[in-house]
Amino acid sequence: MAASTHWGPDLDWIASDKDGHLAVFTTAGLGAIPTRVTGDPAGLVAVMVDVARLRDFDFEAEGYIQEPARIGAFGFDYAGDRHPGQYIAGRPYHRIGQAPAEPLSVESLGPDAATYLRDVCFPRLCFGDSKEIVVEDAFQEIHRPTAWDQWSRPELLHPVAPRPEPPGDEP
């Protein structure tokens, strides 16, 4: 597996699953991010505005989302219990926290947020059934950390190709 000792933006991004439920992904400065997230900050903001309105949640006061279930979302963290210290291609985000008692749905959000989440979607996964998620498996193009000192400038992240298929067993 390829690895990078560089860091990227330490941010939370939000995606949807095949059932229209939401999950918060915490990069820990190292996790892969779909290009739609870094290429359309207004889309992510639209989701945050709708979540704040529906769940009375103040993103600015909270900083990062410590308990995604509070806003009706599942949670996944790149670092998990042990921070890897580097980007590792194919390393999964790990499920954290409790499942939301009342999951938010894409259908409950406004049109801008819904459009964004249709593009930032894991169409084959149900967050409620998932313990680990590999972002590279679900998106054609991802951003990954590329330089230690560029963490605050996601526009400097470089898109990479999807993770190659592992070699098959040869007879």
Protein backbone atom coordinates (compact mmCIF):
# COMPACT_ATOMS: atom_id res chain seq x y z
CA MET A 1 0.00 0.00 0.00
CA ALA A 2 1.13 3.49 -0.74
CA ALA A 3 1.72 5.79 2.19
CA SER A 4 2.38 9.46 2.68
CA THR A 5 3.96 11.14 5.68
CA HIS A 6 2.18 14.37 4.78
CA TRP A 7 -0.95 15.81 6.40
CA GLY A 8 -4.04 17.28 4.81
CA PRO A 9 -6.98 19.29 6.11
CA ASP A 10 -8.30 18.17 9.48
CA LEU A 11 -11.99 18.45 8.81
CA ASP A 12 -15.35 16.80 9.19
CA TRP A 13 -17.26 16.08 5.99
CA ILE A 14 -20.74 14.69 5.58
CA ALA A 15 -21.95 11.99 3.18
CA SER A 16 -25.08 9.94 2.57
CA ASP A 17 -25.65 6.20 2.15
CA LYS A 18 -27.97 4.09 -0.01
CA ASP A 19 -30.83 4.70 2.45
CA GLY A 20 -30.36 8.47 2.43
CA HIS A 21 -28.93 8.55 5.97
CA LEU A 22 -26.05 10.86 6.88
CA ALA A 23 -22.62 10.19 8.35
CA VAL A 24 -19.88 12.52 9.53
CA PHE A 25 -16.33 11.56 8.47
CA THR A 26 -13.45 12.95 10.53
CA THR A 27 -10.20 13.03 8.54
CA ALA A 28 -7.81 13.45 11.48
CA GLY A 29 -5.68 15.35 8.94
CA LEU A 30 -4.98 12.15 7.01
CA GLY A 31 -8.13 10.54 5.67
CA ALA A 32 -9.11 10.41 2.01
CA ILE A 33 -11.79 12.92 0.96
CA PRO A 34 -14.02 12.72 -2.14
CA THR A 35 -13.14 15.51 -4.59
CA ARG A 36 -16.76 16.73 -4.49
CA VAL A 37 -16.20 17.69 -0.82
CA THR A 38 -13.06 19.74 -1.41
CA GLY A 39 -14.30 21.09 -4.73
CA ASP A 40 -17.66 22.36 -3.46
CA PRO A 41 -17.40 23.88 0.01
CA ALA A 42 -20.77 25.61 -0.58
CA GLY A 43 -22.44 22.19 -0.83
CA LEU A 44 -21.06 21.10 2.53
CA VAL A 45 -22.11 24.43 4.03
CA ALA A 46 -25.65 23.90 2.68
CA VAL A 47 -25.77 20.57 4.52
CA MET A 48 -24.47 22.18 7.71
CA VAL A 49 -27.04 25.01 7.52
CA ASP A 50 -29.90 22.53 7.11
CA VAL A 51 -28.61 20.28 9.92
CA ALA A 52 -28.22 23.31 12.21
CA ARG A 53 -31.80 24.35 11.42
CA LEU A 54 -33.30 20.88 11.89
CA ARG A 55 -31.32 19.79 14.95
CA ASP A 56 -30.57 23.14 16.64
CA PHE A 57 -26.83 22.49 16.39
CA ASP A 58 -24.23 25.27 16.36
CA PHE A 59 -21.31 24.07 14.23
CA GLU A 60 -19.23 27.16 14.95
CA ALA A 61 -19.49 26.80 18.72
CA GLU A 62 -18.88 23.04 18.63
CA GLY A 63 -15.82 23.07 16.37
CA TYR A 64 -15.73 19.49 15.19
CA ILE A 65 -18.62 17.10 15.69
CA GLN A 66 -17.74 15.02 18.73
CA GLU A 67 -20.97 13.01 18.84
CA PRO A 68 -22.49 12.69 15.35
CA ALA A 69 -25.57 10.91 16.75
CA ARG A 70 -26.58 14.24 18.34
CA ILE A 71 -27.28 15.62 14.87
CA GLY A 72 -28.88 12.42 13.60
CA ALA A 73 -25.78 11.12 11.82
CA PHE A 74 -23.50 8.10 12.05
CA GLY A 75 -19.81 8.77 12.75
CA PHE A 76 -16.62 7.51 11.11
CA ASP A 77 -13.06 8.51 12.06
CA TYR A 78 -9.90 7.93 10.01
CA ALA A 79 -7.68 7.69 13.09
CA GLY A 80 -9.90 5.37 15.11
CA ASP A 81 -8.34 4.35 18.40
CA ARG A 82 -4.84 4.54 16.98
CA HIS A 83 -3.70 7.46 14.83
CA PRO A 84 -1.69 6.01 11.92
CA GLY A 85 0.57 9.08 11.64
CA GLN A 86 0.37 8.95 7.86
CA TYR A 87 -2.04 8.56 4.96
CA ILE A 88 -2.28 4.93 3.93
CA ALA A 89 -4.16 4.19 0.70
CA GLY A 90 -7.13 1.95 1.38
CA ARG A 91 -7.09 2.46 5.15
CA PRO A 92 -10.71 2.58 6.32
CA TYR A 93 -12.52 5.15 8.37
CA HIS A 94 -13.73 3.37 11.55
CA ARG A 95 -17.22 3.65 13.03
CA ILE A 96 -17.34 5.72 16.21
CA GLY A 97 -20.02 6.57 18.73
CA GLN A 98 -23.59 5.44 18.92
CA ALA A 99 -26.06 5.05 16.09
CA PRO A 100 -28.47 7.99 15.95
CA ALA A 101 -31.83 7.35 17.61
CA GLU A 102 -33.53 9.38 14.88
CA PRO A 103 -31.32 9.42 11.76
CA LEU A 104 -31.52 12.49 9.55
CA SER A 105 -32.41 11.77 5.95
CA VAL A 106 -31.37 13.52 2.75
CA GLU A 107 -35.10 13.95 2.09
CA SER A 108 -35.41 16.25 5.12
CA LEU A 109 -32.79 18.66 3.78
CA GLY A 110 -33.14 21.52 1.31
CA PRO A 111 -32.47 21.14 -2.43
CA ASP A 112 -28.85 22.42 -2.36
CA ALA A 113 -27.87 20.05 0.44
CA ALA A 114 -29.73 17.15 -1.18
CA THR A 115 -28.00 17.71 -4.52
CA TYR A 116 -24.60 17.80 -2.83
CA LEU A 117 -25.32 14.62 -0.84
CA ARG A 118 -26.44 12.73 -3.96
CA ASP A 119 -22.90 13.30 -5.25
CA VAL A 120 -21.21 12.53 -1.92
CA CYS A 121 -22.98 9.21 -1.52
CA PHE A 122 -21.95 5.65 -0.74
CA PRO A 123 -24.58 3.99 -2.98
CA ARG A 124 -23.79 0.42 -1.95
CA LEU A 125 -23.45 0.96 1.80
CA CYS A 126 -25.79 1.31 4.74
CA PHE A 127 -24.03 3.28 7.48
CA GLY A 128 -25.98 1.41 10.15
CA ASP A 129 -24.49 -1.89 8.97
CA SER A 130 -20.95 -0.59 8.39
CA LYS A 131 -18.10 -0.73 10.91
CA GLU A 132 -15.41 0.40 8.45
CA ILE A 133 -15.56 2.35 5.19
CA VAL A 134 -12.81 2.71 2.58
CA VAL A 135 -13.45 5.98 0.74
CA GLU A 136 -11.26 5.02 -2.21
CA ASP A 137 -13.60 2.09 -2.95
CA ALA A 138 -16.65 4.31 -3.44
CA PHE A 139 -15.46 7.36 -5.38
CA GLN A 140 -13.80 7.73 -8.76
CA GLU A 141 -11.60 10.55 -7.54
CA ILE A 142 -10.38 11.38 -4.06
CA HIS A 143 -8.11 13.92 -2.45
CA ARG A 144 -5.47 12.78 -0.06
CA PRO A 145 -2.84 14.59 2.03
CA THR A 146 0.07 15.76 -0.07
CA ALA A 147 2.18 18.20 1.92
CA TRP A 148 2.75 18.80 5.62
CA ASP A 149 2.47 22.57 5.44
CA GLN A 150 -0.60 22.72 3.17
CA TRP A 151 -3.19 21.43 5.65
CA SER A 152 -5.26 24.60 5.55
CA ARG A 153 -5.41 24.83 1.76
CA PRO A 154 -7.54 21.97 0.38
CA GLU A 155 -7.28 23.45 -3.11
CA LEU A 156 -3.64 22.32 -3.10
CA LEU A 157 -4.59 18.69 -2.59
CA HIS A 158 -4.06 16.61 -5.69
CA PRO A 159 -6.65 14.18 -7.01
CA VAL A 160 -5.50 10.60 -7.20
CA ALA A 161 -6.81 7.64 -9.09
CA PRO A 162 -8.90 4.99 -7.35
CA ARG A 163 -7.07 2.31 -5.46
CA PRO A 164 -5.94 -0.45 -7.85
CA GLU A 165 -7.49 -3.88 -7.56
CA PRO A 166 -5.35 -6.30 -5.54
CA PRO A 167 -3.59 -8.94 -7.62
CA GLY A 168 -5.60 -12.13 -8.01
CA ASP A 169 -4.40 -15.53 -7.00
CA GLU A 170 -2.43 -17.10 -9.79
CA PRO A 171 -2.72 -20.85 -10.42
